[in-house]
Amino acid sequence: MRAQEVVERALAAARHLHGCAVLVRESSEAALRWANSTMTTNGHTTSRRTTVIAFVEVDGGVAAGVVGSSAAIEDTAQLEGIVRAAEAAARDAGPAKDAAPLVEPDGADPTWDEPAAETSIGVFGPFAEGLAEVLAGPHLQYGFATHELSTVWLGTSTGIRRRWVQPTGSVELNAKTRDLRGSAWTGASTTDFTGVDARALAAEAERRLAWSTRRIALPPGRYETLLPPSAVADLMVYLAWSMGGRAAQEGRSALAGPDGPRVGEKLTALPLTLASDPAAPGLEYEPFLTATRSGEGISVFDNGAATRRAEWVREGAIGELVYSRAEAEEFGTRFTPAGENLILTGGSQDTLPDLVGRTERGLLLTCLWYIREVDPTSLLLTGLTRDGVYLVENGEVVAEVEHNFRFNYSPLDVLRRTTEVGATERTIPREWKDWFTRTAMPPMRVPEFNMSSVSLGR
């Protein structure tokens, strides 16, 4: 059964309800994996998930129930069963605190009747040719490349019919010396693998491996630290995930002040802006909300509402916080949906090598790993460095630190204390790549970054 037919039949089965929203999401994914300089797996998978959200009038208001299924939908009876289950879940849940009028349609979607988009192994063509050369090189190579086209159809009882195709691609390449003592990582995100050069990624990894010919031990402490764009992305993603309006209103987050949320508070004199924008070229995401659950900052009642550019940090000051429509009404503020990309701008045109060249003594990181929150009231995070920490002296990389560090630092303090910010470039967060790939970040210089202890893992 076509996705559009699933939507229409489910909505027809829900005509007796207060309202209904139906989402059908089809995914087409291709992947390559290699280890020990040998291709190990490649493949293509497809999947579909149907979600029905029933809105039911109950004593005290409107309730919402959500039921999803990954089973193949063959007939109307299956859909009626899902609708009845969603209705029962709503009645069991009772009146929803996030209840709001269902979103009305805003024009027709000319792509509604189009089929799901499909990818294939062929998307890796030129990239795979370069990868074959890399695998024949002198170092051990490990890595993974994936490309997904996810098509979603949203239909609601108010008449919304929207379709969106989300491309998501990424590659991670890890090069190791033959004795396994040296390890270097590079990665990239992409929409279609056009312009992703395996040779260039490997060359950057090999450049870093060359720095490991001299190895030194350093004690824990506070070091001037150069964060590459990937590491900045991991820290800023966690900050964006922490921009919840309700938590700030209720005094439960680092964005809470003595008189309410810290919106407008200056973090830095640098003109830094951290934003999510569904129309950002090459980083586009759904221009309308598709919510399959309710929680702080998100509501199933908001399905179909337009997403928009949101500036979490604006010209160095805290900008906007995330609110569902019901929360915005409750707190007297603007509806602000969370974003699915993240862009930090406001730096110079300098590259990471430029920052290295101006460093008297400091550390250059590769990426971050195993990031966890320590204190939500200050947004203090802990985590590990990974795949190469290098000592920079007099503008040159002079050695690799023979161990990793555990760090303790807040992304708010990264913004507060950074002294130099370079050019924004598309990058991929190492820790959060499986959840968040669409980022563009600059390299940053942070004095006295807290390396709290030594970690012996690579």
Protein backbone atom coordinates (compact mmCIF):
# COMPACT_ATOMS: atom_id res chain seq x y z
CA MET A 1 0.00 0.00 0.00
CA ARG A 2 1.42 3.38 -1.00
CA ALA A 3 2.33 5.73 1.83
CA GLN A 4 -0.25 8.30 0.72
CA GLU A 5 -2.97 5.64 0.76
CA VAL A 6 -1.94 4.58 4.26
CA VAL A 7 -2.34 8.17 5.42
CA GLU A 8 -5.78 8.62 3.82
CA ARG A 9 -7.20 5.32 5.02
CA ALA A 10 -5.98 5.88 8.57
CA LEU A 11 -7.50 9.36 8.65
CA ALA A 12 -10.77 7.95 7.31
CA ALA A 13 -10.79 5.37 10.11
CA ALA A 14 -10.31 8.22 12.63
CA ARG A 15 -13.17 10.44 11.42
CA HIS A 16 -15.08 9.94 14.70
CA LEU A 17 -12.19 11.33 16.77
CA HIS A 18 -11.48 14.91 17.83
CA GLY A 19 -8.55 14.79 15.42
CA CYS A 20 -5.78 12.63 14.03
CA ALA A 21 -2.29 12.88 12.56
CA VAL A 22 -0.62 10.16 10.53
CA LEU A 23 3.06 9.92 9.66
CA VAL A 24 4.59 7.43 7.27
CA ARG A 25 8.39 7.41 7.07
CA GLU A 26 10.30 5.33 4.53
CA SER A 27 14.06 4.99 4.72
CA SER A 28 16.48 3.86 2.03
CA GLU A 29 20.05 3.40 3.29
CA ALA A 30 23.33 2.29 1.72
CA ALA A 31 26.49 1.58 3.71
CA LEU A 32 30.14 0.61 3.32
CA ARG A 33 32.40 -0.67 6.09
CA TRP A 34 36.12 -1.46 6.07
CA ALA A 35 38.58 -2.73 8.67
CA ASN A 36 42.26 -3.67 8.68
CA SER A 37 42.52 -2.09 5.20
CA THR A 38 39.94 -4.52 3.80
CA MET A 39 36.35 -3.97 2.74
CA THR A 40 34.18 -6.00 5.09
CA THR A 41 30.54 -5.23 4.31
CA ASN A 42 28.38 -3.25 1.97
CA GLY A 43 24.66 -3.27 1.60
CA HIS A 44 21.36 -1.52 1.06
CA THR A 45 18.30 -1.63 3.34
CA THR A 46 14.82 -0.17 3.25
CA SER A 47 12.26 0.26 6.00
CA ARG A 48 8.91 1.88 6.69
CA ARG A 49 7.24 3.01 9.90
CA THR A 50 3.66 4.19 10.28
CA THR A 51 2.64 6.31 13.27
CA VAL A 52 -0.93 7.24 14.17
CA ILE A 53 -1.63 9.99 16.70
CA ALA A 54 -5.21 10.03 17.97
CA PHE A 55 -6.65 13.12 19.64
CA VAL A 56 -9.66 12.36 21.82
CA GLU A 57 -11.98 14.58 23.85
CA VAL A 58 -11.99 13.43 27.48
CA ASP A 59 -13.11 14.90 30.77
CA GLY A 60 -10.86 17.88 31.41
CA GLY A 61 -9.64 18.46 27.87
CA VAL A 62 -8.11 16.64 24.91
CA ALA A 63 -5.93 13.54 25.19
CA ALA A 64 -3.35 12.22 22.75
CA GLY A 65 -2.36 8.62 22.08
CA VAL A 66 0.49 7.47 19.84
CA VAL A 67 0.89 4.05 18.27
CA GLY A 68 3.53 3.13 15.72
CA SER A 69 4.10 0.05 13.61
CA SER A 70 6.94 -1.16 11.39
CA ALA A 71 4.81 -3.95 9.94
CA ALA A 72 3.88 -3.90 6.27
CA ILE A 73 0.39 -2.45 5.92
CA GLU A 74 -1.63 -4.71 3.62
CA ASP A 75 -5.25 -3.74 4.25
CA THR A 76 -7.57 -1.25 5.89
CA ALA A 77 -8.27 -3.59 8.81
CA GLN A 78 -4.66 -3.27 9.98
CA LEU A 79 -4.91 0.51 9.90
CA GLU A 80 -8.19 0.48 11.76
CA GLY A 81 -6.51 -1.63 14.45
CA ILE A 82 -3.70 0.91 14.82
CA VAL A 83 -6.20 3.79 15.00
CA ARG A 84 -8.25 1.98 17.67
CA ALA A 85 -5.08 1.28 19.66
CA ALA A 86 -4.05 4.94 19.47
CA GLU A 87 -7.55 5.97 20.59
CA ALA A 88 -7.36 3.59 23.57
CA ALA A 89 -3.93 4.93 24.49
CA ALA A 90 -5.30 8.48 24.45
CA ARG A 91 -8.22 7.61 26.70
CA ASP A 92 -5.86 5.85 29.12
CA ALA A 93 -3.52 8.86 29.18
CA GLY A 94 -6.10 11.46 30.18
CA PRO A 95 -6.07 15.16 29.29
CA ALA A 96 -2.80 16.32 27.76
CA LYS A 97 -0.93 19.20 29.38
CA ASP A 98 0.42 20.19 25.97
CA ALA A 99 -2.97 20.28 24.26
CA ALA A 100 -3.33 22.95 21.59
CA PRO A 101 -5.53 23.46 18.53
CA LEU A 102 -4.35 21.27 15.68
CA VAL A 103 -2.31 23.07 13.04
CA GLU A 104 -4.25 24.25 9.98
CA PRO A 105 -2.93 23.68 6.45
CA ASP A 106 -0.97 26.41 4.71
CA GLY A 107 -1.14 25.65 1.02
CA ALA A 108 -0.75 22.45 -0.98
CA ASP A 109 2.45 20.41 -1.24
CA PRO A 110 3.16 19.71 -4.93
CA THR A 111 5.36 16.72 -4.02
CA TRP A 112 2.70 14.93 -1.96
CA ASP A 113 1.95 12.24 -4.58
CA GLU A 114 5.59 11.47 -5.34
CA PRO A 115 7.09 8.13 -4.25
CA ALA A 116 9.78 7.57 -1.66
CA ALA A 117 13.30 8.62 -2.62
CA GLU A 118 15.82 5.80 -2.93
CA THR A 119 19.59 5.64 -2.61
CA SER A 120 21.91 2.83 -3.65
CA ILE A 121 25.48 1.64 -3.34
CA GLY A 122 26.12 3.64 -6.50
CA VAL A 123 26.05 6.86 -4.47
CA PHE A 124 29.56 5.99 -3.26
CA GLY A 125 31.00 5.71 -6.82
CA PRO A 126 33.84 8.30 -6.96
CA PHE A 127 34.34 8.09 -3.19
CA ALA A 128 34.81 4.31 -3.40
CA GLU A 129 37.39 4.68 -6.17
CA GLY A 130 39.48 6.91 -3.93
CA LEU A 131 38.91 4.61 -0.98
CA ALA A 132 40.40 1.68 -2.92
CA GLU A 133 43.65 3.66 -3.25
CA VAL A 134 43.58 4.55 0.44
CA LEU A 135 43.16 0.91 1.49
CA ALA A 136 46.26 0.00 -0.53
CA GLY A 137 48.33 2.58 1.36
CA PRO A 138 50.91 2.07 4.12
CA HIS A 139 48.65 2.47 7.15
CA LEU A 140 45.85 0.31 8.53
CA GLN A 141 42.49 1.77 7.62
CA TYR A 142 39.16 1.42 9.40
CA GLY A 143 35.93 3.22 8.69
CA PHE A 144 32.28 3.43 7.79
CA ALA A 145 30.31 5.38 5.18
CA THR A 146 26.53 5.65 5.07
CA HIS A 147 23.96 7.44 2.97
CA GLU A 148 20.25 7.60 3.76
CA LEU A 149 17.24 9.13 2.03
CA SER A 150 14.33 9.32 4.46
CA THR A 151 10.94 10.29 3.03
CA VAL A 152 8.14 11.34 5.38
CA TRP A 153 4.49 11.97 4.60
CA LEU A 154 2.36 13.81 7.16
CA GLY A 155 -1.42 13.96 6.93
CA THR A 156 -3.80 15.41 9.52
CA SER A 157 -7.53 15.66 10.02
CA THR A 158 -7.31 19.42 9.51
CA GLY A 159 -6.23 18.88 5.91
CA ILE A 160 -2.43 19.07 6.10
CA ARG A 161 -0.67 16.96 3.48
CA ARG A 162 3.11 17.41 3.51
CA ARG A 163 6.04 15.38 2.19
CA TRP A 164 9.78 15.82 2.76
CA VAL A 165 12.90 13.94 1.68
CA GLN A 166 15.80 14.17 4.13
CA PRO A 167 19.27 13.22 2.81
CA THR A 168 21.83 12.24 5.43
CA GLY A 169 25.33 11.03 4.65
CA SER A 170 28.53 10.66 6.60
CA VAL A 171 31.93 9.02 6.52
CA GLU A 172 34.44 8.30 9.28
CA LEU A 173 37.97 7.21 8.50
CA ASN A 174 40.39 5.97 11.14
CA ALA A 175 44.02 5.40 10.17
CA LYS A 176 46.42 3.49 12.43
CA THR A 177 50.13 2.78 12.33
CA ARG A 178 51.09 -0.86 11.79
CA ASP A 179 52.15 -1.20 15.44
CA LEU A 180 48.75 0.28 16.47
CA ARG A 181 50.44 2.92 18.63
CA GLY A 182 49.34 5.81 16.45
CA SER A 183 45.72 6.52 15.55
CA ALA A 184 44.13 9.43 13.67
CA TRP A 185 40.51 10.15 12.77
CA THR A 186 38.86 12.24 10.08
CA GLY A 187 35.24 12.48 9.06
CA ALA A 188 32.75 14.40 6.96
CA SER A 189 29.01 14.84 6.53
CA THR A 190 27.33 15.16 3.15
CA THR A 191 23.98 15.05 1.40
CA ASP A 192 25.04 12.94 -1.60
CA PHE A 193 28.83 12.20 -1.40
CA THR A 194 29.52 14.65 -4.22
CA GLY A 195 32.91 16.15 -3.45
CA VAL A 196 33.72 13.79 -0.56
CA ASP A 197 37.31 12.73 -1.30
CA ALA A 198 38.59 9.64 0.49
CA ARG A 199 42.16 10.50 -0.54
CA ALA A 200 41.94 13.95 1.07
CA LEU A 201 40.49 12.53 4.29
CA ALA A 202 43.25 9.92 4.43
CA ALA A 203 45.92 12.54 3.72
CA GLU A 204 44.79 14.55 6.74
CA ALA A 205 44.89 11.40 8.88
CA GLU A 206 48.39 10.55 7.60
CA ARG A 207 49.57 14.09 8.35
CA ARG A 208 48.48 13.59 11.94
CA LEU A 209 50.09 10.14 12.13
CA ALA A 210 53.38 11.77 11.08
CA TRP A 211 53.17 13.94 14.20
CA SER A 212 53.23 10.80 16.35
CA THR A 213 56.86 9.95 15.57
CA ARG A 214 57.74 11.85 18.72
CA ARG A 215 55.63 11.02 21.77
CA ILE A 216 55.57 12.66 25.18
CA ALA A 217 53.61 12.38 28.41
CA LEU A 218 51.89 15.44 29.89
CA PRO A 219 50.25 15.79 33.29
CA PRO A 220 46.60 16.75 33.69
CA GLY A 221 45.96 20.46 34.06
CA ARG A 222 44.61 23.52 32.31
CA TYR A 223 46.02 24.01 28.82
CA GLU A 224 45.47 26.48 26.05
CA THR A 225 43.59 24.20 23.67
CA LEU A 226 42.78 24.35 19.99
CA LEU A 227 39.40 22.76 19.31
CA PRO A 228 38.90 21.63 15.68
CA PRO A 229 35.44 22.08 14.16
CA SER A 230 34.38 18.51 14.98
CA ALA A 231 35.11 18.96 18.70
CA VAL A 232 33.33 22.33 18.69
CA ALA A 233 30.33 20.62 17.07
CA ASP A 234 30.08 18.00 19.82
CA LEU A 235 30.08 20.69 22.51
CA MET A 236 27.65 23.02 20.72
CA VAL A 237 25.21 20.19 19.94
CA TYR A 238 24.95 19.47 23.65
CA LEU A 239 24.38 23.16 24.30
CA ALA A 240 21.59 23.22 21.70
CA TRP A 241 20.02 20.14 23.29
CA SER A 242 20.04 22.04 26.61
CA MET A 243 18.15 25.11 25.38
CA GLY A 244 14.80 23.97 26.77
CA GLY A 245 12.54 26.85 27.72
CA ARG A 246 10.54 25.05 30.40
CA ALA A 247 13.63 23.93 32.29
CA ALA A 248 14.95 27.50 32.22
CA GLN A 249 11.60 28.90 33.35
CA GLU A 250 11.46 26.44 36.23
CA GLY A 251 15.07 26.96 37.36
CA ARG A 252 16.32 23.52 36.35
CA SER A 253 19.02 24.38 33.82
CA ALA A 254 22.11 26.45 33.23
CA LEU A 255 19.94 28.86 31.24
CA ALA A 256 17.91 29.72 34.35
CA GLY A 257 18.64 33.00 36.11
CA PRO A 258 17.42 34.49 39.38
CA ASP A 259 14.63 36.34 37.56
CA GLY A 260 13.85 33.85 34.82
CA PRO A 261 15.63 32.55 31.71
CA ARG A 262 18.96 34.16 30.89
CA VAL A 263 17.82 35.28 27.44
CA GLY A 264 19.79 38.37 26.48
CA GLU A 265 22.68 37.64 28.84
CA LYS A 266 26.04 38.32 27.18
CA LEU A 267 28.39 35.35 26.98
CA THR A 268 31.20 36.87 24.94
CA ALA A 269 32.21 40.12 23.29
CA LEU A 270 32.86 38.15 20.10
CA PRO A 271 29.98 38.41 17.58
CA LEU A 272 29.18 34.68 17.71
CA THR A 273 25.81 33.39 16.54
CA LEU A 274 24.71 29.79 17.08
CA ALA A 275 21.67 29.04 14.94
CA SER A 276 19.48 26.32 13.48
CA ASP A 277 18.02 27.05 10.05
CA PRO A 278 15.92 24.61 8.00
CA ALA A 279 16.86 26.52 4.83
CA ALA A 280 20.65 26.57 5.35
CA PRO A 281 22.21 25.51 2.02
CA GLY A 282 23.46 21.93 2.15
CA LEU A 283 22.16 21.49 5.69
CA GLU A 284 18.40 21.68 5.05
CA TYR A 285 15.93 19.84 7.26
CA GLU A 286 12.14 19.41 7.48
CA PRO A 287 10.33 22.74 7.00
CA PHE A 288 7.45 21.40 9.10
CA LEU A 289 7.31 19.53 12.39
CA THR A 290 6.90 15.75 12.51
CA ALA A 291 6.52 14.81 16.17
CA THR A 292 5.79 11.26 17.34
CA ARG A 293 6.00 12.05 21.05
CA SER A 294 5.38 14.85 23.50
CA GLY A 295 7.86 16.16 26.05
CA GLU A 296 9.58 19.36 27.04
CA GLY A 297 9.85 21.54 23.95
CA ILE A 298 8.02 19.10 21.67
CA SER A 299 4.36 18.23 21.23
CA VAL A 300 2.36 15.90 18.99
CA PHE A 301 -0.24 18.68 18.78
CA ASP A 302 2.32 20.72 16.78
CA ASN A 303 2.53 18.34 13.82
CA GLY A 304 2.63 20.32 10.61
CA ALA A 305 3.69 23.60 12.22
CA ALA A 306 6.38 25.41 10.26
CA THR A 307 9.96 25.18 11.47
CA ARG A 308 12.09 28.33 11.23
CA ARG A 309 15.52 29.77 11.84
CA ALA A 310 16.24 30.05 15.55
CA GLU A 311 19.27 31.82 17.02
CA TRP A 312 20.22 30.12 20.28
CA VAL A 313 23.11 32.55 20.69
CA ARG A 314 22.83 35.90 18.91
CA GLU A 315 25.85 38.19 18.55
CA GLY A 316 27.43 36.72 21.68
CA ALA A 317 24.29 36.76 23.87
CA ILE A 318 21.81 34.01 24.75
CA GLY A 319 19.08 34.28 22.13
CA GLU A 320 16.12 31.91 21.98
CA LEU A 321 14.95 28.85 23.93
CA VAL A 322 12.89 25.88 22.74
CA TYR A 323 9.13 26.01 23.38
CA SER A 324 6.23 23.98 22.06
CA ARG A 325 3.13 25.97 21.14
CA ALA A 326 1.48 25.08 24.45
CA GLU A 327 4.61 26.08 26.40
CA ALA A 328 4.87 29.35 24.49
CA GLU A 329 1.26 30.11 25.42
CA GLU A 330 1.89 29.15 29.05
CA PHE A 331 5.00 31.32 29.44
CA GLY A 332 3.98 34.18 27.18
CA THR A 333 6.77 33.75 24.67
CA ARG A 334 7.32 32.67 21.06
CA PHE A 335 6.83 29.16 19.70
CA THR A 336 10.35 27.95 18.90
CA PRO A 337 10.86 24.38 17.67
CA ALA A 338 14.21 22.68 18.15
CA GLY A 339 16.48 22.54 15.11
CA GLU A 340 18.02 19.64 13.21
CA ASN A 341 21.13 21.46 12.10
CA LEU A 342 23.54 23.75 13.94
CA ILE A 343 25.73 26.55 12.59
CA LEU A 344 28.19 28.70 14.56
CA THR A 345 29.34 31.88 12.82
CA GLY A 346 31.02 35.15 13.71
CA GLY A 347 34.70 34.21 13.56
CA SER A 348 37.49 35.23 11.20
CA GLN A 349 38.48 33.56 7.93
CA ASP A 350 41.40 31.77 9.58
CA THR A 351 41.83 28.01 9.33
CA LEU A 352 42.93 25.60 12.05
CA PRO A 353 46.55 25.66 10.72
CA ASP A 354 46.43 29.46 11.04
CA LEU A 355 45.51 29.10 14.72
CA VAL A 356 48.29 26.53 15.19
CA GLY A 357 50.78 28.95 13.66
CA ARG A 358 49.94 31.57 16.29
CA THR A 359 50.19 29.21 19.28
CA GLU A 360 53.13 29.64 21.63
CA ARG A 361 52.34 26.50 23.61
CA GLY A 362 49.14 24.52 23.74
CA LEU A 363 47.26 21.37 22.82
CA LEU A 364 45.67 20.53 19.48
CA LEU A 365 42.80 18.03 19.71
CA THR A 366 41.39 15.70 17.08
CA CYS A 367 37.95 14.92 18.47
CA LEU A 368 35.95 14.24 21.62
CA TRP A 369 34.26 11.09 22.86
CA TYR A 370 32.00 9.69 25.59
CA ILE A 371 30.57 13.08 26.56
CA ARG A 372 28.29 13.09 29.59
CA GLU A 373 26.67 15.78 31.71
CA VAL A 374 28.08 16.31 35.21
CA ASP A 375 26.10 19.33 36.44
CA PRO A 376 22.98 20.57 34.62
CA THR A 377 22.97 23.85 36.56
CA SER A 378 26.25 24.91 34.93
CA LEU A 379 26.09 22.54 31.93
CA LEU A 380 29.42 21.08 33.03
CA LEU A 381 30.33 18.18 30.75
CA THR A 382 32.94 15.48 31.02
CA GLY A 383 34.36 13.37 28.24
CA LEU A 384 37.51 12.05 26.63
CA THR A 385 39.85 13.17 23.88
CA ARG A 386 40.39 10.57 21.19
CA ASP A 387 42.63 9.61 18.26
CA GLY A 388 45.36 12.14 18.77
CA VAL A 389 46.24 14.95 21.18
CA TYR A 390 49.22 17.00 19.99
CA LEU A 391 51.59 19.45 21.64
CA VAL A 392 52.05 22.72 19.78
CA GLU A 393 55.08 24.92 20.51
CA ASN A 394 56.13 28.10 18.73
CA GLY A 395 53.57 27.63 15.98
CA GLU A 396 54.39 24.02 15.14
CA VAL A 397 53.13 20.60 16.17
CA VAL A 398 56.15 19.04 17.90
CA ALA A 399 54.81 15.79 19.37
CA GLU A 400 51.83 13.59 20.07
CA VAL A 401 50.78 13.20 23.68
CA GLU A 402 51.11 9.48 24.38
CA HIS A 403 47.80 9.33 26.21
CA ASN A 404 44.34 10.89 26.10
CA PHE A 405 42.78 13.19 28.67
CA ARG A 406 39.48 13.33 30.47
CA PHE A 407 38.14 16.85 30.30
CA ASN A 408 35.64 18.76 32.44
CA TYR A 409 34.26 21.87 30.77
CA SER A 410 30.99 23.60 29.92
CA PRO A 411 30.11 24.58 26.33
CA LEU A 412 28.88 27.86 27.84
CA ASP A 413 32.42 28.46 29.08
CA VAL A 414 33.78 27.60 25.64
CA LEU A 415 31.79 30.58 24.36
CA ARG A 416 32.62 32.76 27.37
CA ARG A 417 36.37 32.15 27.34
CA THR A 418 37.37 31.56 23.75
CA THR A 419 39.87 34.14 22.52
CA GLU A 420 40.01 33.23 18.85
CA VAL A 421 37.49 31.79 16.41
CA GLY A 422 38.26 30.78 12.85
CA ALA A 423 36.24 30.20 9.70
CA THR A 424 33.04 28.17 9.81
CA GLU A 425 33.11 24.96 7.78
CA ARG A 426 30.87 21.95 7.40
CA THR A 427 31.91 19.25 9.85
CA ILE A 428 30.70 16.17 11.68
CA PRO A 429 30.54 15.66 15.46
CA ARG A 430 32.38 12.48 16.50
CA GLU A 431 30.29 11.68 19.57
CA TRP A 432 26.84 12.67 18.31
CA LYS A 433 27.17 11.64 14.66
CA ASP A 434 24.53 8.91 14.95
CA TRP A 435 21.95 11.50 16.06
CA PHE A 436 23.13 14.79 14.60
CA THR A 437 25.21 15.18 11.44
CA ARG A 438 24.25 18.55 9.94
CA THR A 439 26.71 21.00 11.53
CA ALA A 440 28.98 23.83 10.41
CA MET A 441 31.52 25.00 12.98
CA PRO A 442 34.79 26.99 13.24
CA PRO A 443 38.01 26.02 15.02
CA MET A 444 38.38 27.76 18.39
CA ARG A 445 41.14 28.67 20.82
CA VAL A 446 40.18 28.17 24.48
CA PRO A 447 42.69 29.17 27.20
CA GLU A 448 42.93 26.95 30.27
CA PHE A 449 40.73 24.15 28.99
CA ASN A 450 40.49 21.74 31.92
CA MET A 451 42.15 18.37 31.24
CA SER A 452 41.20 16.90 34.60
CA SER A 453 42.93 13.51 34.40
CA VAL A 454 44.90 11.18 32.14
CA SER A 455 43.15 8.44 30.17
CA LEU A 456 45.26 5.57 28.86
CA GLY A 457 42.83 4.50 26.11
CA ARG A 458 43.54 5.42 22.50
